[in-house]
């Protein structure tokens, strides 16, 4: 993340990069895309120190002003290139900071982008697991009788 966070004004750039990342992993047929989001912690000198409330064990989770959210996207690092050489491909990482007043619009577009990127996912094949359970059940019944 040498270039830093993508700002709210550049949010369309975040979504185009996220869509491209999801597309490349879909074309490869393997790999993972990690999406994380968490509340952004302000620097200690910028944030007013909250006063501890005796009855509330989570007193520090109620800030005076809403805090921004940081959303990160990254992929898995591949060990081999397609040509079989052992050179490393760089890990793709980018993030954006979303202000509290822009969260609703951001999450609506974020959900659309993620749904579009997950369209090629395959349903998990559970038939092998069911066959194994049946086989174990039959061997268990034979031992009992």
Protein backbone atom coordinates (compact mmCIF):
# COMPACT_ATOMS: atom_id res chain seq x y z
CA UNK A 1 0.00 0.00 0.00
CA UNK A 2 2.69 2.42 -0.92
CA UNK A 3 0.21 4.78 -2.51
CA UNK A 4 -1.94 5.09 0.63
CA UNK A 5 -5.71 5.01 0.97
CA UNK A 6 -8.17 5.93 -1.73
CA UNK A 7 -10.22 8.91 -0.58
CA UNK A 8 -14.02 9.30 -0.70
CA UNK A 9 -13.71 11.45 -3.80
CA UNK A 10 -11.85 8.61 -5.52
CA UNK A 11 -14.33 5.91 -4.42
CA UNK A 12 -15.16 4.98 -8.04
CA UNK A 13 -11.48 4.07 -8.44
CA UNK A 14 -11.78 1.70 -5.45
CA UNK A 15 -14.76 -0.06 -7.04
CA UNK A 16 -13.09 -0.40 -10.45
CA UNK A 17 -9.97 -1.89 -8.82
CA UNK A 18 -12.11 -4.24 -6.72
CA UNK A 19 -14.07 -5.39 -9.78
CA UNK A 20 -10.81 -5.97 -11.67
CA UNK A 21 -9.38 -7.96 -8.76
CA UNK A 22 -12.48 -10.15 -8.56
CA UNK A 23 -12.43 -10.68 -12.34
CA UNK A 24 -8.79 -11.75 -12.43
CA UNK A 25 -9.36 -14.31 -9.68
CA UNK A 26 -12.44 -15.58 -11.48
CA UNK A 27 -10.45 -15.98 -14.72
CA UNK A 28 -7.66 -17.83 -12.91
CA UNK A 29 -10.17 -20.22 -11.42
CA UNK A 30 -8.46 -20.22 -8.03
CA UNK A 31 -7.24 -17.86 -5.38
CA UNK A 32 -8.90 -15.74 -2.77
CA UNK A 33 -9.86 -12.13 -2.36
CA UNK A 34 -9.82 -10.87 1.20
CA UNK A 35 -12.22 -8.04 2.05
CA UNK A 36 -11.92 -6.50 5.49
CA UNK A 37 -13.57 -3.55 7.12
CA UNK A 38 -13.18 -2.01 10.51
CA UNK A 39 -13.67 1.16 12.44
CA UNK A 40 -10.83 3.57 11.93
CA UNK A 41 -9.04 4.53 15.11
CA UNK A 42 -8.09 8.16 15.34
CA UNK A 43 -4.65 9.12 16.50
CA UNK A 44 -4.42 9.57 20.28
CA UNK A 45 -3.70 13.29 20.03
CA UNK A 46 -6.72 13.94 17.75
CA UNK A 47 -9.29 11.92 19.70
CA UNK A 48 -10.71 13.27 22.93
CA UNK A 49 -10.18 10.81 25.76
CA UNK A 50 -13.52 9.27 26.69
CA UNK A 51 -14.46 9.26 30.31
CA UNK A 52 -14.95 5.85 31.85
CA UNK A 53 -18.48 4.97 32.88
CA UNK A 54 -18.70 2.60 35.81
CA UNK A 55 -21.80 0.70 34.67
CA UNK A 56 -20.83 0.24 31.01
CA UNK A 57 -18.10 -2.37 30.33
CA UNK A 58 -17.89 -1.18 26.69
CA UNK A 59 -17.57 2.51 27.49
CA UNK A 60 -14.88 3.10 24.87
CA UNK A 61 -17.11 1.90 22.01
CA UNK A 62 -19.36 4.95 22.23
CA UNK A 63 -17.32 7.82 20.77
CA UNK A 64 -18.67 11.35 20.81
CA UNK A 65 -18.53 11.61 17.01
CA UNK A 66 -19.03 8.76 14.49
CA UNK A 67 -15.74 7.31 13.29
CA UNK A 68 -14.83 6.57 9.67
CA UNK A 69 -14.57 3.00 8.36
CA UNK A 70 -11.56 1.59 6.54
CA UNK A 71 -12.30 -1.00 3.85
CA UNK A 72 -9.40 -3.10 2.56
CA UNK A 73 -9.12 -5.52 -0.36
CA UNK A 74 -6.22 -7.86 -1.10
CA UNK A 75 -5.51 -11.07 -2.94
CA UNK A 76 -3.39 -14.11 -2.22
CA UNK A 77 0.22 -13.97 -3.21
CA UNK A 78 1.13 -16.52 -5.86
CA UNK A 79 4.41 -18.38 -5.63
CA UNK A 80 4.74 -19.27 -9.30
CA UNK A 81 4.12 -17.39 -12.50
CA UNK A 82 2.13 -19.12 -15.26
CA UNK A 83 5.29 -19.85 -17.24
CA UNK A 84 6.56 -22.05 -14.39
CA UNK A 85 9.30 -19.72 -13.22
CA UNK A 86 9.75 -19.20 -9.48
CA UNK A 87 9.53 -15.42 -9.51
CA UNK A 88 7.05 -13.94 -7.07
CA UNK A 89 4.10 -11.88 -8.19
CA UNK A 90 3.39 -8.89 -5.97
CA UNK A 91 0.40 -9.02 -3.68
CA UNK A 92 -2.35 -6.58 -4.65
CA UNK A 93 -3.55 -4.45 -1.74
CA UNK A 94 -5.65 -1.30 -1.67
CA UNK A 95 -7.99 0.39 0.75
CA UNK A 96 -10.34 3.31 1.17
CA UNK A 97 -11.56 5.35 4.09
CA UNK A 98 -15.30 5.98 4.15
CA UNK A 99 -16.71 8.83 6.20
CA UNK A 100 -19.82 8.13 8.30
CA UNK A 101 -22.09 10.34 6.19
CA UNK A 102 -21.19 8.40 3.00
CA UNK A 103 -21.56 4.88 4.41
CA UNK A 104 -25.04 4.09 3.03
CA UNK A 105 -24.16 4.98 -0.56
CA UNK A 106 -20.80 3.25 -0.27
CA UNK A 107 -22.23 -0.02 1.06
CA UNK A 108 -24.93 -0.11 -1.63
CA UNK A 109 -22.31 0.10 -4.37
CA UNK A 110 -19.93 -2.22 -2.47
CA UNK A 111 -22.63 -4.90 -2.30
CA UNK A 112 -23.34 -4.60 -6.03
CA UNK A 113 -19.65 -4.93 -6.88
CA UNK A 114 -19.18 -7.95 -4.62
CA UNK A 115 -22.29 -9.70 -5.94
CA UNK A 116 -21.15 -9.16 -9.52
CA UNK A 117 -17.71 -10.53 -8.68
CA UNK A 118 -19.13 -13.63 -7.02
CA UNK A 119 -21.35 -14.63 -9.94
CA UNK A 120 -18.96 -17.37 -11.10
CA UNK A 121 -18.74 -19.16 -7.77
CA UNK A 122 -19.59 -22.84 -7.88
CA UNK A 123 -21.88 -24.51 -5.41
CA UNK A 124 -19.98 -26.78 -3.09
CA UNK A 125 -20.08 -30.47 -4.02
CA UNK A 126 -21.38 -32.31 -0.98
CA UNK A 127 -22.22 -35.61 -2.69
CA UNK A 128 -18.88 -37.16 -1.70
CA UNK A 129 -19.48 -36.31 1.96
CA UNK A 130 -22.96 -37.87 1.83
CA UNK A 131 -21.58 -41.05 0.26
CA UNK A 132 -18.97 -41.31 3.03
CA UNK A 133 -21.64 -40.91 5.72
CA UNK A 134 -23.80 -43.61 4.13
CA UNK A 135 -20.81 -45.93 3.89
CA UNK A 136 -19.94 -45.40 7.57
CA UNK A 137 -23.57 -45.90 8.60
CA UNK A 138 -23.75 -49.20 6.69
CA UNK A 139 -20.50 -50.51 8.21
CA UNK A 140 -21.71 -49.47 11.67
CA UNK A 141 -25.01 -51.35 11.17
CA UNK A 142 -23.19 -54.47 10.02
CA UNK A 143 -20.99 -54.45 13.14
CA UNK A 144 -24.03 -54.15 15.44
CA UNK A 145 -25.88 -57.07 13.87
